[in-house]
Amino acid sequence: MEQHERILCRLSIRDDSYVHSLLTDHAANQSASYLAGKTHALVQLAALVASDAAPPSYLEAIDWARSYDASDDELVGVLIAALPSVGVTRVVAAAPKLGLALGYDVSHALESRGT
């Protein structure tokens, strides 16, 4: 059995010990994903966008992505890449949350433009 097949089986049967290790150990999660650090971090950010996560959730994701030298342009690029899959509503909702996590208050900037 190939590794990806073992992983699919373990996830499909909800192997609790395996899932727990993936949820509690960032290094184990990244290793099991077979993704490079930056890619892994950007995928996690995309999942936050897709799930309409709360603003504080973005802070940790941004920190992880930056630890792998992800630029702000790449972080915002996640919104563009996710747009066709998650839809306009999710991306529009995520944009100000991501902005705040990056230290940019989109709402304030928009209000200032209007005056």
PDB file of N, CA and C in Angstrom:
ATOM      1  N   MET A   1       0.855  -1.178   0.000  1.00  0.00           N
ATOM      2  CA  MET A   1       0.000   0.000   0.000  1.00  0.00           C
ATOM      3  C   MET A   1       0.900   1.240   0.000  1.00  0.00           C
ATOM      4  N   GLU A   2       0.589   2.188  -0.866  1.00  0.00           N
ATOM      5  CA  GLU A   2       1.338   3.443  -0.963  1.00  0.00           C
ATOM      6  C   GLU A   2       1.040   4.333   0.249  1.00  0.00           C
ATOM      7  N   GLN A   3       1.960   5.255   0.544  1.00  0.00           N
ATOM      8  CA  GLN A   3       1.789   6.153   1.687  1.00  0.00           C
ATOM      9  C   GLN A   3       0.504   6.962   1.585  1.00  0.00           C
ATOM     10  N   HIS A   4       0.225   7.519   0.418  1.00  0.00           N
ATOM     11  CA  HIS A   4      -0.992   8.333   0.289  1.00  0.00           C
ATOM     12  C   HIS A   4      -2.247   7.487   0.511  1.00  0.00           C
ATOM     13  N   GLU A   5      -2.181   6.210   0.160  1.00  0.00           N
ATOM     14  CA  GLU A   5      -3.323   5.318   0.394  1.00  0.00           C
ATOM     15  C   GLU A   5      -3.494   5.049   1.884  1.00  0.00           C
ATOM     16  N   ARG A   6      -2.379   4.876   2.610  1.00  0.00           N
ATOM     17  CA  ARG A   6      -2.454   4.674   4.074  1.00  0.00           C
ATOM     18  C   ARG A   6      -3.063   5.906   4.745  1.00  0.00           C
ATOM     19  N   ILE A   7      -2.631   7.078   4.297  1.00  0.00           N
ATOM     20  CA  ILE A   7      -3.152   8.314   4.896  1.00  0.00           C
ATOM     21  C   ILE A   7      -4.648   8.447   4.621  1.00  0.00           C
ATOM     22  N   LEU A   8      -5.075   8.194   3.402  1.00  0.00           N
ATOM     23  CA  LEU A   8      -6.501   8.276   3.066  1.00  0.00           C
ATOM     24  C   LEU A   8      -7.314   7.297   3.905  1.00  0.00           C
ATOM     25  N   CYS A   9      -6.799   6.086   4.107  1.00  0.00           N
ATOM     26  CA  CYS A   9      -7.511   5.106   4.935  1.00  0.00           C
ATOM     27  C   CYS A   9      -7.602   5.580   6.383  1.00  0.00           C
ATOM     28  N   ARG A  10      -6.496   6.070   6.934  1.00  0.00           N
ATOM     29  CA  ARG A  10      -6.501   6.516   8.326  1.00  0.00           C
ATOM     30  C   ARG A  10      -7.465   7.688   8.534  1.00  0.00           C
ATOM     31  N   LEU A  11      -7.497   8.601   7.575  1.00  0.00           N
ATOM     32  CA  LEU A  11      -8.434   9.714   7.688  1.00  0.00           C
ATOM     33  C   LEU A  11      -9.880   9.253   7.491  1.00  0.00           C
ATOM     34  N   SER A  12     -10.095   8.331   6.568  1.00  0.00           N
ATOM     35  CA  SER A  12     -11.447   7.858   6.265  1.00  0.00           C
ATOM     36  C   SER A  12     -12.091   7.124   7.434  1.00  0.00           C
ATOM     37  N   ILE A  13     -11.280   6.437   8.218  1.00  0.00           N
ATOM     38  CA  ILE A  13     -11.839   5.721   9.375  1.00  0.00           C
ATOM     39  C   ILE A  13     -11.747   6.553  10.651  1.00  0.00           C
ATOM     40  N   ARG A  14     -11.270   7.780  10.494  1.00  0.00           N
ATOM     41  CA  ARG A  14     -11.051   8.684  11.632  1.00  0.00           C
ATOM     42  C   ARG A  14     -10.212   8.011  12.718  1.00  0.00           C
ATOM     43  N   ASP A  15      -9.021   7.649  12.321  1.00  0.00           N
ATOM     44  CA  ASP A  15      -8.044   7.095  13.255  1.00  0.00           C
ATOM     45  C   ASP A  15      -7.722   8.199  14.261  1.00  0.00           C
ATOM     46  N   ASP A  16      -8.362   8.137  15.432  1.00  0.00           N
ATOM     47  CA  ASP A  16      -8.277   9.232  16.397  1.00  0.00           C
ATOM     48  C   ASP A  16      -6.855   9.567  16.831  1.00  0.00           C
ATOM     49  N   SER A  17      -6.014   8.581  17.042  1.00  0.00           N
ATOM     50  CA  SER A  17      -4.649   8.882  17.468  1.00  0.00           C
ATOM     51  C   SER A  17      -3.877   9.587  16.354  1.00  0.00           C
ATOM     52  N   TYR A  18      -4.104   9.173  15.125  1.00  0.00           N
ATOM     53  CA  TYR A  18      -3.446   9.811  13.987  1.00  0.00           C
ATOM     54  C   TYR A  18      -3.942  11.248  13.817  1.00  0.00           C
ATOM     55  N   VAL A  19      -5.247  11.413  13.837  1.00  0.00           N
ATOM     56  CA  VAL A  19      -5.834  12.752  13.698  1.00  0.00           C
ATOM     57  C   VAL A  19      -5.368  13.658  14.835  1.00  0.00           C
ATOM     58  N   HIS A  20      -5.351  13.139  16.054  1.00  0.00           N
ATOM     59  CA  HIS A  20      -4.908  13.929  17.204  1.00  0.00           C
ATOM     60  C   HIS A  20      -3.468  14.399  17.006  1.00  0.00           C
ATOM     61  N   SER A  21      -2.600  13.516  16.540  1.00  0.00           N
ATOM     62  CA  SER A  21      -1.205  13.913  16.322  1.00  0.00           C
ATOM     63  C   SER A  21      -1.103  14.996  15.253  1.00  0.00           C
ATOM     64  N   LEU A  22      -1.948  14.940  14.235  1.00  0.00           N
ATOM     65  CA  LEU A  22      -1.927  15.958  13.180  1.00  0.00           C
ATOM     66  C   LEU A  22      -2.466  17.297  13.664  1.00  0.00           C
ATOM     67  N   LEU A  23      -3.392  17.234  14.604  1.00  0.00           N
ATOM     68  CA  LEU A  23      -3.988  18.466  15.129  1.00  0.00           C
ATOM     69  C   LEU A  23      -3.118  19.147  16.184  1.00  0.00           C
ATOM     70  N   THR A  24      -2.338  18.372  16.911  1.00  0.00           N
ATOM     71  CA  THR A  24      -1.599  18.930  18.043  1.00  0.00           C
ATOM     72  C   THR A  24      -0.118  19.143  17.784  1.00  0.00           C
ATOM     73  N   ASP A  25       0.408  18.570  16.722  1.00  0.00           N
ATOM     74  CA  ASP A  25       1.842  18.670  16.440  1.00  0.00           C
ATOM     75  C   ASP A  25       2.049  19.255  15.051  1.00  0.00           C
ATOM     76  N   HIS A  26       2.395  20.547  15.015  1.00  0.00           N
ATOM     77  CA  HIS A  26       2.548  21.237  13.730  1.00  0.00           C
ATOM     78  C   HIS A  26       3.582  20.548  12.842  1.00  0.00           C
ATOM     79  N   ALA A  27       4.690  20.121  13.432  1.00  0.00           N
ATOM     80  CA  ALA A  27       5.744  19.464  12.653  1.00  0.00           C
ATOM     81  C   ALA A  27       5.239  18.151  12.053  1.00  0.00           C
ATOM     82  N   ALA A  28       4.474  17.393  12.821  1.00  0.00           N
ATOM     83  CA  ALA A  28       3.917  16.131  12.314  1.00  0.00           C
ATOM     84  C   ALA A  28       2.915  16.407  11.201  1.00  0.00           C
ATOM     85  N   ASN A  29       2.122  17.449  11.368  1.00  0.00           N
ATOM     86  CA  ASN A  29       1.150  17.812  10.345  1.00  0.00           C
ATOM     87  C   ASN A  29       1.852  18.180   9.048  1.00  0.00           C
ATOM     88  N   GLN A  30       2.862  19.029   9.161  1.00  0.00           N
ATOM     89  CA  GLN A  30       3.578  19.437   7.954  1.00  0.00           C
ATOM     90  C   GLN A  30       4.282  18.261   7.295  1.00  0.00           C
ATOM     91  N   SER A  31       4.901  17.428   8.082  1.00  0.00           N
ATOM     92  CA  SER A  31       5.602  16.264   7.531  1.00  0.00           C
ATOM     93  C   SER A  31       4.633  15.333   6.815  1.00  0.00           C
ATOM     94  N   ALA A  32       3.503  15.078   7.431  1.00  0.00           N
ATOM     95  CA  ALA A  32       2.511  14.166   6.846  1.00  0.00           C
ATOM     96  C   ALA A  32       1.882  14.753   5.585  1.00  0.00           C
ATOM     97  N   SER A  33       1.913  16.067   5.450  1.00  0.00           N
ATOM     98  CA  SER A  33       1.300  16.696   4.274  1.00  0.00           C
ATOM     99  C   SER A  33       2.173  16.588   3.033  1.00  0.00           C
ATOM    100  N   TYR A  34       3.460  16.346   3.231  1.00  0.00           N
ATOM    101  CA  TYR A  34       4.418  16.290   2.115  1.00  0.00           C
ATOM    102  C   TYR A  34       4.493  17.611   1.354  1.00  0.00           C
ATOM    103  N   LEU A  35       4.133  18.702   2.019  1.00  0.00           N
ATOM    104  CA  LEU A  35       4.209  20.024   1.404  1.00  0.00           C
ATOM    105  C   LEU A  35       5.389  20.789   1.991  1.00  0.00           C
ATOM    106  N   ALA A  36       5.997  21.628   1.184  1.00  0.00           N
ATOM    107  CA  ALA A  36       7.047  22.519   1.681  1.00  0.00           C
ATOM    108  C   ALA A  36       6.425  23.487   2.682  1.00  0.00           C
ATOM    109  N   GLY A  37       7.237  24.015   3.580  1.00  0.00           N
ATOM    110  CA  GLY A  37       6.740  24.865   4.652  1.00  0.00           C
ATOM    111  C   GLY A  37       5.868  26.017   4.198  1.00  0.00           C
ATOM    112  N   LYS A  38       6.334  26.771   3.214  1.00  0.00           N
ATOM    113  CA  LYS A  38       5.554  27.921   2.749  1.00  0.00           C
ATOM    114  C   LYS A  38       4.240  27.475   2.134  1.00  0.00           C
ATOM    115  N   THR A  39       4.294  26.432   1.321  1.00  0.00           N
ATOM    116  CA  THR A  39       3.062  25.924   0.697  1.00  0.00           C
ATOM    117  C   THR A  39       2.083  25.459   1.762  1.00  0.00           C
ATOM    118  N   HIS A  40       2.583  24.752   2.763  1.00  0.00           N
ATOM    119  CA  HIS A  40       1.751  24.265   3.867  1.00  0.00           C
ATOM    120  C   HIS A  40       1.065  25.435   4.564  1.00  0.00           C
ATOM    121  N   ALA A  41       1.825  26.483   4.849  1.00  0.00           N
ATOM    122  CA  ALA A  41       1.273  27.654   5.533  1.00  0.00           C
ATOM    123  C   ALA A  41       0.222  28.356   4.676  1.00  0.00           C
ATOM    124  N   LEU A  42       0.468  28.458   3.379  1.00  0.00           N
ATOM    125  CA  LEU A  42      -0.496  29.117   2.491  1.00  0.00           C
ATOM    126  C   LEU A  42      -1.778  28.293   2.354  1.00  0.00           C
ATOM    127  N   VAL A  43      -1.652  26.980   2.356  1.00  0.00           N
ATOM    128  CA  VAL A  43      -2.844  26.124   2.312  1.00  0.00           C
ATOM    129  C   VAL A  43      -3.659  26.315   3.589  1.00  0.00           C
ATOM    130  N   GLN A  44      -2.982  26.414   4.718  1.00  0.00           N
ATOM    131  CA  GLN A  44      -3.712  26.638   5.974  1.00  0.00           C
ATOM    132  C   GLN A  44      -4.456  27.975   5.936  1.00  0.00           C
ATOM    133  N   LEU A  45      -3.817  28.984   5.385  1.00  0.00           N
ATOM    134  CA  LEU A  45      -4.487  30.281   5.245  1.00  0.00           C
ATOM    135  C   LEU A  45      -5.701  30.163   4.327  1.00  0.00           C
ATOM    136  N   ALA A  46      -5.561  29.446   3.226  1.00  0.00           N
ATOM    137  CA  ALA A  46      -6.691  29.250   2.305  1.00  0.00           C
ATOM    138  C   ALA A  46      -7.848  28.540   3.001  1.00  0.00           C
ATOM    139  N   ALA A  47      -7.526  27.603   3.882  1.00  0.00           N
ATOM    140  CA  ALA A  47      -8.583  26.898   4.624  1.00  0.00           C
ATOM    141  C   ALA A  47      -9.329  27.852   5.546  1.00  0.00           C
ATOM    142  N   LEU A  48      -8.621  28.816   6.122  1.00  0.00           N
ATOM    143  CA  LEU A  48      -9.293  29.817   6.958  1.00  0.00           C
ATOM    144  C   LEU A  48     -10.253  30.649   6.127  1.00  0.00           C
ATOM    145  N   VAL A  49      -9.829  31.014   4.937  1.00  0.00           N
ATOM    146  CA  VAL A  49     -10.702  31.774   4.035  1.00  0.00           C
ATOM    147  C   VAL A  49     -11.934  30.942   3.700  1.00  0.00           C
ATOM    148  N   ALA A  50     -11.721  29.686   3.352  1.00  0.00           N
ATOM    149  CA  ALA A  50     -12.827  28.812   2.946  1.00  0.00           C
ATOM    150  C   ALA A  50     -13.822  28.564   4.068  1.00  0.00           C
ATOM    151  N   SER A  51     -13.327  28.549   5.300  1.00  0.00           N
ATOM    152  CA  SER A  51     -14.210  28.246   6.428  1.00  0.00           C
ATOM    153  C   SER A  51     -14.758  29.488   7.119  1.00  0.00           C
ATOM    154  N   ASP A  52     -14.480  30.673   6.559  1.00  0.00           N
ATOM    155  CA  ASP A  52     -14.947  31.930   7.136  1.00  0.00           C
ATOM    156  C   ASP A  52     -14.517  32.042   8.599  1.00  0.00           C
ATOM    157  N   ALA A  53     -13.236  31.803   8.833  1.00  0.00           N
ATOM    158  CA  ALA A  53     -12.689  31.809  10.189  1.00  0.00           C
ATOM    159  C   ALA A  53     -12.731  33.200  10.807  1.00  0.00           C
ATOM    160  N   ALA A  54     -12.677  33.224  12.117  1.00  0.00           N
ATOM    161  CA  ALA A  54     -12.671  34.480  12.872  1.00  0.00           C
ATOM    162  C   ALA A  54     -11.335  35.200  12.674  1.00  0.00           C
ATOM    163  N   PRO A  55     -11.352  36.530  12.762  1.00  0.00           N
ATOM    164  CA  PRO A  55     -10.132  37.313  12.536  1.00  0.00           C
ATOM    165  C   PRO A  55      -8.892  36.852  13.324  1.00  0.00           C
ATOM    166  N   PRO A  56      -9.016  36.511  14.629  1.00  0.00           N
ATOM    167  CA  PRO A  56      -7.804  36.098  15.350  1.00  0.00           C
ATOM    168  C   PRO A  56      -7.117  34.850  14.762  1.00  0.00           C
ATOM    169  N   SER A  57      -7.888  34.024  14.087  1.00  0.00           N
ATOM    170  CA  SER A  57      -7.322  32.813  13.494  1.00  0.00           C
ATOM    171  C   SER A  57      -6.263  33.135  12.450  1.00  0.00           C
ATOM    172  N   TYR A  58      -6.400  34.277  11.825  1.00  0.00           N
ATOM    173  CA  TYR A  58      -5.473  34.662  10.767  1.00  0.00           C
ATOM    174  C   TYR A  58      -4.085  34.995  11.310  1.00  0.00           C
ATOM    175  N   LEU A  59      -4.008  35.455  12.547  1.00  0.00           N
ATOM    176  CA  LEU A  59      -2.725  35.882  13.107  1.00  0.00           C
ATOM    177  C   LEU A  59      -1.706  34.755  13.139  1.00  0.00           C
ATOM    178  N   GLU A  60      -2.097  33.594  13.639  1.00  0.00           N
ATOM    179  CA  GLU A  60      -1.168  32.459  13.701  1.00  0.00           C
ATOM    180  C   GLU A  60      -0.791  31.988  12.302  1.00  0.00           C
ATOM    181  N   ALA A  61      -1.768  31.953  11.412  1.00  0.00           N
ATOM    182  CA  ALA A  61      -1.485  31.528  10.040  1.00  0.00           C
ATOM    183  C   ALA A  61      -0.489  32.464   9.371  1.00  0.00           C
ATOM    184  N   ILE A  62      -0.648  33.757   9.600  1.00  0.00           N
ATOM    185  CA  ILE A  62       0.269  34.741   9.036  1.00  0.00           C
ATOM    186  C   ILE A  62       1.664  34.559   9.627  1.00  0.00           C
ATOM    187  N   ASP A  63       1.740  34.353  10.938  1.00  0.00           N
ATOM    188  CA  ASP A  63       3.042  34.135  11.576  1.00  0.00           C
ATOM    189  C   ASP A  63       3.759  32.922  10.994  1.00  0.00           C
ATOM    190  N   TRP A  64       3.020  31.821  10.808  1.00  0.00           N
ATOM    191  CA  TRP A  64       3.621  30.616  10.235  1.00  0.00           C
ATOM    192  C   TRP A  64       4.094  30.881   8.810  1.00  0.00           C
ATOM    193  N   ALA A  65       3.268  31.523   8.033  1.00  0.00           N
ATOM    194  CA  ALA A  65       3.638  31.784   6.642  1.00  0.00           C
ATOM    195  C   ALA A  65       4.864  32.698   6.572  1.00  0.00           C
ATOM    196  N   ARG A  66       4.895  33.699   7.409  1.00  0.00           N
ATOM    197  CA  ARG A  66       6.048  34.609   7.427  1.00  0.00           C
ATOM    198  C   ARG A  66       7.311  33.897   7.899  1.00  0.00           C
ATOM    199  N   SER A  67       7.162  32.908   8.773  1.00  0.00           N
ATOM    200  CA  SER A  67       8.351  32.165   9.219  1.00  0.00           C
ATOM    201  C   SER A  67       8.985  31.398   8.057  1.00  0.00           C
ATOM    202  N   TYR A  68       8.220  31.198   6.993  1.00  0.00           N
ATOM    203  CA  TYR A  68       8.730  30.552   5.777  1.00  0.00           C
ATOM    204  C   TYR A  68       8.942  31.577   4.660  1.00  0.00           C
ATOM    205  N   ASP A  69       9.088  32.834   5.061  1.00  0.00           N
ATOM    206  CA  ASP A  69       9.393  33.928   4.135  1.00  0.00           C
ATOM    207  C   ASP A  69       8.298  34.208   3.109  1.00  0.00           C
ATOM    208  N   ALA A  70       7.045  33.939   3.464  1.00  0.00           N
ATOM    209  CA  ALA A  70       5.939  34.321   2.583  1.00  0.00           C
ATOM    210  C   ALA A  70       5.798  35.841   2.644  1.00  0.00           C
ATOM    211  N   SER A  71       5.688  36.452   1.494  1.00  0.00           N
ATOM    212  CA  SER A  71       5.526  37.911   1.432  1.00  0.00           C
ATOM    213  C   SER A  71       4.053  38.274   1.629  1.00  0.00           C
ATOM    214  N   ASP A  72       3.822  39.536   1.930  1.00  0.00           N
ATOM    215  CA  ASP A  72       2.443  40.001   2.047  1.00  0.00           C
ATOM    216  C   ASP A  72       1.703  39.826   0.721  1.00  0.00           C
ATOM    217  N   ASP A  73       2.405  40.033  -0.381  1.00  0.00           N
ATOM    218  CA  ASP A  73       1.783  39.833  -1.695  1.00  0.00           C
ATOM    219  C   ASP A  73       1.352  38.374  -1.881  1.00  0.00           C
ATOM    220  N   GLU A  74       2.171  37.435  -1.426  1.00  0.00           N
ATOM    221  CA  GLU A  74       1.801  36.020  -1.528  1.00  0.00           C
ATOM    222  C   GLU A  74       0.618  35.704  -0.618  1.00  0.00           C
ATOM    223  N   LEU A  75       0.604  36.294   0.575  1.00  0.00           N
ATOM    224  CA  LEU A  75      -0.499  36.053   1.507  1.00  0.00           C
ATOM    225  C   LEU A  75      -1.812  36.566   0.929  1.00  0.00           C
ATOM    226  N   VAL A  76      -1.776  37.762   0.352  1.00  0.00           N
ATOM    227  CA  VAL A  76      -2.984  38.305  -0.283  1.00  0.00           C
ATOM    228  C   VAL A  76      -3.304  37.496  -1.543  1.00  0.00           C
ATOM    229  N   GLY A  77      -2.284  36.978  -2.207  1.00  0.00           N
ATOM    230  CA  GLY A  77      -2.491  36.134  -3.381  1.00  0.00           C
ATOM    231  C   GLY A  77      -3.311  34.892  -3.086  1.00  0.00           C
ATOM    232  N   VAL A  78      -3.300  34.452  -1.835  1.00  0.00           N
ATOM    233  CA  VAL A  78      -4.140  33.316  -1.438  1.00  0.00           C
ATOM    234  C   VAL A  78      -5.608  33.638  -1.691  1.00  0.00           C
ATOM    235  N   LEU A  79      -6.008  34.879  -1.430  1.00  0.00           N
ATOM    236  CA  LEU A  79      -7.401  35.281  -1.684  1.00  0.00           C
ATOM    237  C   LEU A  79      -7.729  35.151  -3.174  1.00  0.00           C
ATOM    238  N   ILE A  80      -6.805  35.578  -4.011  1.00  0.00           N
ATOM    239  CA  ILE A  80      -7.030  35.508  -5.457  1.00  0.00           C
ATOM    240  C   ILE A  80      -7.103  34.053  -5.906  1.00  0.00           C
ATOM    241  N   ALA A  81      -6.181  33.240  -5.407  1.00  0.00           N
ATOM    242  CA  ALA A  81      -6.164  31.826  -5.789  1.00  0.00           C
ATOM    243  C   ALA A  81      -7.403  31.084  -5.301  1.00  0.00           C
ATOM    244  N   ALA A  82      -7.906  31.458  -4.128  1.00  0.00           N
ATOM    245  CA  ALA A  82      -9.072  30.783  -3.551  1.00  0.00           C
ATOM    246  C   ALA A  82     -10.389  31.235  -4.172  1.00  0.00           C
ATOM    247  N   LEU A  83     -10.397  32.414  -4.778  1.00  0.00           N
ATOM    248  CA  LEU A  83     -11.630  33.015  -5.293  1.00  0.00           C
ATOM    249  C   LEU A  83     -12.478  32.071  -6.154  1.00  0.00           C
ATOM    250  N   PRO A  84     -11.936  31.405  -7.166  1.00  0.00           N
ATOM    251  CA  PRO A  84     -12.791  30.542  -7.996  1.00  0.00           C
ATOM    252  C   PRO A  84     -13.374  29.345  -7.234  1.00  0.00           C
ATOM    253  N   SER A  85     -12.660  28.887  -6.204  1.00  0.00           N
ATOM    254  CA  SER A  85     -13.125  27.713  -5.462  1.00  0.00           C
ATOM    255  C   SER A  85     -14.088  28.042  -4.339  1.00  0.00           C
ATOM    256  N   VAL A  86     -13.808  29.126  -3.600  1.00  0.00           N
ATOM    257  CA  VAL A  86     -14.630  29.429  -2.432  1.00  0.00           C
ATOM    258  C   VAL A  86     -15.681  30.485  -2.692  1.00  0.00           C
ATOM    259  N   GLY A  87     -15.514  31.255  -3.759  1.00  0.00           N
ATOM    260  CA  GLY A  87     -16.521  32.237  -4.128  1.00  0.00           C
ATOM    261  C   GLY A  87     -16.236  33.629  -3.621  1.00  0.00           C
ATOM    262  N   VAL A  88     -16.921  34.563  -4.238  1.00  0.00           N
ATOM    263  CA  VAL A  88     -16.734  35.974  -3.953  1.00  0.00           C
ATOM    264  C   VAL A  88     -17.084  36.307  -2.507  1.00  0.00           C
ATOM    265  N   THR A  89     -18.167  35.767  -1.990  1.00  0.00           N
ATOM    266  CA  THR A  89     -18.626  36.104  -0.643  1.00  0.00           C
ATOM    267  C   THR A  89     -17.562  35.790   0.401  1.00  0.00           C
ATOM    268  N   ARG A  90     -16.949  34.613   0.322  1.00  0.00           N
ATOM    269  CA  ARG A  90     -15.920  34.225   1.301  1.00  0.00           C
ATOM    270  C   ARG A  90     -14.684  35.107   1.173  1.00  0.00           C
ATOM    271  N   VAL A  91     -14.285  35.407  -0.051  1.00  0.00           N
ATOM    272  CA  VAL A  91     -13.082  36.214  -0.247  1.00  0.00           C
ATOM    273  C   VAL A  91     -13.317  37.649   0.215  1.00  0.00           C
ATOM    274  N   VAL A  92     -14.476  38.203  -0.088  1.00  0.00           N
ATOM    275  CA  VAL A  92     -14.802  39.565   0.362  1.00  0.00           C
ATOM    276  C   VAL A  92     -14.826  39.612   1.894  1.00  0.00           C
ATOM    277  N   ALA A  93     -15.363  38.582   2.532  1.00  0.00           N
ATOM    278  CA  ALA A  93     -15.388  38.531   3.996  1.00  0.00           C
ATOM    279  C   ALA A  93     -13.991  38.373   4.578  1.00  0.00           C
ATOM    280  N   ALA A  94     -13.125  37.648   3.879  1.00  0.00           N
ATOM    281  CA  ALA A  94     -11.777  37.375   4.383  1.00  0.00           C
ATOM    282  C   ALA A  94     -10.824  38.544   4.194  1.00  0.00           C
ATOM    283  N   ALA A  95     -11.039  39.358   3.177  1.00  0.00           N
ATOM    284  CA  ALA A  95     -10.089  40.426   2.849  1.00  0.00           C
ATOM    285  C   ALA A  95      -9.804  41.361   4.033  1.00  0.00           C
ATOM    286  N   PRO A  96     -10.813  41.906   4.714  1.00  0.00           N
ATOM    287  CA  PRO A  96     -10.490  42.784   5.840  1.00  0.00           C
ATOM    288  C   PRO A  96      -9.875  42.031   7.023  1.00  0.00           C
ATOM    289  N   LYS A  97     -10.223  40.761   7.204  1.00  0.00           N
ATOM    290  CA  LYS A  97      -9.624  39.966   8.283  1.00  0.00           C
ATOM    291  C   LYS A  97      -8.137  39.757   8.011  1.00  0.00           C
ATOM    292  N   LEU A  98      -7.828  39.396   6.788  1.00  0.00           N
ATOM    293  CA  LEU A  98      -6.431  39.224   6.411  1.00  0.00           C
ATOM    294  C   LEU A  98      -5.692  40.551   6.502  1.00  0.00           C
ATOM    295  N   GLY A  99      -6.342  41.613   6.052  1.00  0.00           N
ATOM    296  CA  GLY A  99      -5.736  42.941   6.146  1.00  0.00           C
ATOM    297  C   GLY A  99      -5.347  43.282   7.573  1.00  0.00           C
ATOM    298  N   LEU A 100      -6.257  43.075   8.522  1.00  0.00           N
ATOM    299  CA  LEU A 100      -5.947  43.366   9.929  1.00  0.00           C
ATOM    300  C   LEU A 100      -4.788  42.516  10.429  1.00  0.00           C
ATOM    301  N   ALA A 101      -4.758  41.251  10.048  1.00  0.00           N
ATOM    302  CA  ALA A 101      -3.669  40.367  10.466  1.00  0.00           C
ATOM    303  C   ALA A 101      -2.330  40.830   9.895  1.00  0.00           C
ATOM    304  N   LEU A 102      -2.382  41.494   8.750  1.00  0.00           N
ATOM    305  CA  LEU A 102      -1.170  42.031   8.131  1.00  0.00           C
ATOM    306  C   LEU A 102      -0.828  43.429   8.646  1.00  0.00           C
ATOM    307  N   GLY A 103      -1.708  43.975   9.514  1.00  0.00           N
ATOM    308  CA  GLY A 103      -1.467  45.307  10.050  1.00  0.00           C
ATOM    309  C   GLY A 103      -2.037  46.426   9.193  1.00  0.00           C
ATOM    310  N   TYR A 104      -2.977  46.078   8.337  1.00  0.00           N
ATOM    311  CA  TYR A 104      -3.591  47.063   7.442  1.00  0.00           C
ATOM    312  C   TYR A 104      -5.094  47.060   7.676  1.00  0.00           C
ATOM    313  N   ASP A 105      -5.637  48.186   8.104  1.00  0.00           N
ATOM    314  CA  ASP A 105      -7.068  48.309   8.380  1.00  0.00           C
ATOM    315  C   ASP A 105      -7.792  48.718   7.097  1.00  0.00           C
ATOM    316  N   VAL A 106      -8.323  47.739   6.402  1.00  0.00           N
ATOM    317  CA  VAL A 106      -8.995  47.982   5.118  1.00  0.00           C
ATOM    318  C   VAL A 106     -10.183  48.921   5.308  1.00  0.00           C
ATOM    319  N   SER A 107     -10.979  48.695   6.347  1.00  0.00           N
ATOM    320  CA  SER A 107     -12.161  49.535   6.582  1.00  0.00           C
ATOM    321  C   SER A 107     -11.767  50.994   6.763  1.00  0.00           C
ATOM    322  N   HIS A 108     -10.740  51.228   7.554  1.00  0.00           N
ATOM    323  CA  HIS A 108     -10.271  52.596   7.773  1.00  0.00           C
ATOM    324  C   HIS A 108      -9.769  53.210   6.462  1.00  0.00           C
ATOM    325  N   ALA A 109      -9.040  52.439   5.695  1.00  0.00           N
ATOM    326  CA  ALA A 109      -8.523  52.939   4.407  1.00  0.00           C
ATOM    327  C   ALA A 109      -9.662  53.294   3.468  1.00  0.00           C
ATOM    328  N   LEU A 110     -10.695  52.477   3.444  1.00  0.00           N
ATOM    329  CA  LEU A 110     -11.840  52.756   2.575  1.00  0.00           C
ATOM    330  C   LEU A 110     -12.602  53.994   3.031  1.00  0.00           C
ATOM    331  N   GLU A 111     -12.753  54.134   4.345  1.00  0.00           N
ATOM    332  CA  GLU A 111     -13.419  55.314   4.885  1.00  0.00           C
ATOM    333  C   GLU A 111     -12.627  56.582   4.570  1.00  0.00           C
ATOM    334  N   SER A 112     -11.323  56.499   4.674  1.00  0.00           N
ATOM    335  CA  SER A 112     -10.478  57.666   4.396  1.00  0.00           C
ATOM    336  C   SER A 112     -10.543  58.056   2.924  1.00  0.00           C
ATOM    337  N   ARG A 113     -10.677  57.086   2.076  1.00  0.00           N
ATOM    338  CA  ARG A 113     -10.785  57.368   0.632  1.00  0.00           C
ATOM    339  C   ARG A 113     -12.064  58.114   0.319  1.00  0.00           C
ATOM    340  N   GLY A 114     -13.119  57.837   1.084  1.00  0.00           N
ATOM    341  CA  GLY A 114     -14.426  58.436   0.828  1.00  0.00           C
ATOM    342  C   GLY A 114     -14.513  59.900   1.227  1.00  0.00           C
ATOM    343  N   THR A 115     -13.566  60.376   2.007  1.00  0.00           N
ATOM    344  CA  THR A 115     -13.617  61.778   2.461  1.00  0.00           C
ATOM    345  C   THR A 115     -12.772  62.688   1.610  1.00  0.00           C
TER     346      THR A 115
END
